[in-house]
Each structure stands twice: as C-alpha cells, then as structure tokens.
Amino acid sequence: MSSKNKIDQEVIDKIINLLENIEFGTVQITVHDSQVTQIEKGEKFRFALKKGNEKLRRVNGD
C-alpha cells in the first residue's frame, strides 16, 4: 500500500468501534479505488424459545 492509499484513522476507528460493539452479525466494508467508501453493520438478535407460558430469553446476554 502506497502512502497515498493509507486508510484514514477515522475510518479505522469506526471499524474497530463497530467490531467491539456487535455480538452477532456482520460488518461489511466497501472499497473503491483502494479507498473505503462505505461501512455497513447488520446486527442479529437471537432468542431462545421457551415452552408453555414462559417468556422468551435473549441468547446474546443483553
């Protein structure tokens, strides 16, 4: 990677923040001409089903 294509620290910080704050899901980084142009986060929330009248319980721990 040449110096003109260095990744901006703001972009790196955003990616790190997204990765640190997602439990289940995806972080998709779009690159055009060696530059990050877009970051998408898709987060999933999983629940365990209970029988009878019991409530649903989140699996992710939140």
Protein backbone atom coordinates (compact mmCIF):
# COMPACT_ATOMS: atom_id res chain seq x y z
CA MET A 1 0.00 0.00 0.00
CA SER A 2 1.50 3.32 -1.02
CA SER A 3 1.32 6.39 1.21
CA LYS A 4 -1.43 7.91 -0.96
CA ASN A 5 -3.66 4.90 -0.17
CA LYS A 6 -3.29 4.90 3.61
CA ILE A 7 -6.52 4.30 5.47
CA ASP A 8 -7.75 7.35 7.36
CA GLN A 9 -7.58 6.91 11.14
CA GLU A 10 -11.24 7.96 11.44
CA VAL A 11 -12.23 5.01 9.22
CA ILE A 12 -10.08 2.59 11.24
CA ASP A 13 -11.57 3.87 14.50
CA LYS A 14 -15.12 3.45 13.14
CA ILE A 15 -14.44 -0.14 12.04
CA ILE A 16 -12.90 -1.01 15.42
CA ASN A 17 -15.86 0.55 17.24
CA LEU A 18 -18.35 -1.44 15.18
CA LEU A 19 -16.47 -4.69 15.77
CA GLU A 20 -16.19 -4.09 19.50
CA ASN A 21 -19.91 -3.35 19.85
CA ILE A 22 -21.51 -6.16 17.86
CA GLU A 23 -22.24 -9.56 19.36
CA PHE A 24 -23.83 -11.35 16.38
CA GLY A 25 -23.89 -10.03 12.83
CA THR A 26 -21.73 -8.60 10.09
CA VAL A 27 -19.57 -5.58 9.35
CA GLN A 28 -19.21 -5.06 5.59
CA ILE A 29 -16.55 -2.72 4.21
CA THR A 30 -16.90 -1.44 0.63
CA VAL A 31 -13.74 -0.32 -1.18
CA HIS A 32 -13.41 1.59 -4.48
CA ASP A 33 -10.03 2.53 -5.98
CA SER A 34 -8.22 1.35 -2.82
CA GLN A 35 -10.33 3.62 -0.59
CA VAL A 36 -13.00 2.68 1.93
CA THR A 37 -16.21 4.27 0.65
CA GLN A 38 -18.85 2.64 2.84
CA ILE A 39 -19.25 0.59 6.03
CA GLU A 40 -22.43 -1.36 6.80
CA LYS A 41 -23.40 -3.12 10.03
CA GLY A 42 -26.00 -5.88 10.16
CA GLU A 43 -26.78 -6.92 13.71
CA LYS A 44 -28.70 -10.01 14.75
CA PHE A 45 -30.51 -10.66 18.00
CA ARG A 46 -31.07 -14.29 18.91
CA PHE A 47 -33.70 -15.57 21.31
CA ALA A 48 -34.20 -18.98 22.88
CA LEU A 49 -37.78 -20.24 22.74
CA LYS A 50 -39.36 -21.46 25.96
CA LYS A 51 -42.26 -23.88 26.32
CA GLY A 52 -45.63 -23.00 27.78
CA ASN A 53 -46.23 -19.57 29.30
CA GLU A 54 -42.57 -18.77 29.94
CA LYS A 55 -41.15 -15.64 28.31
CA LEU A 56 -38.56 -15.57 25.54
CA ARG A 57 -34.98 -15.24 26.72
CA ARG A 58 -32.28 -13.40 24.78
CA VAL A 59 -29.32 -15.59 23.99
CA ASN A 60 -26.86 -12.70 23.46
CA GLY A 61 -26.78 -11.90 27.15
CA ASP A 62 -28.36 -8.42 26.94
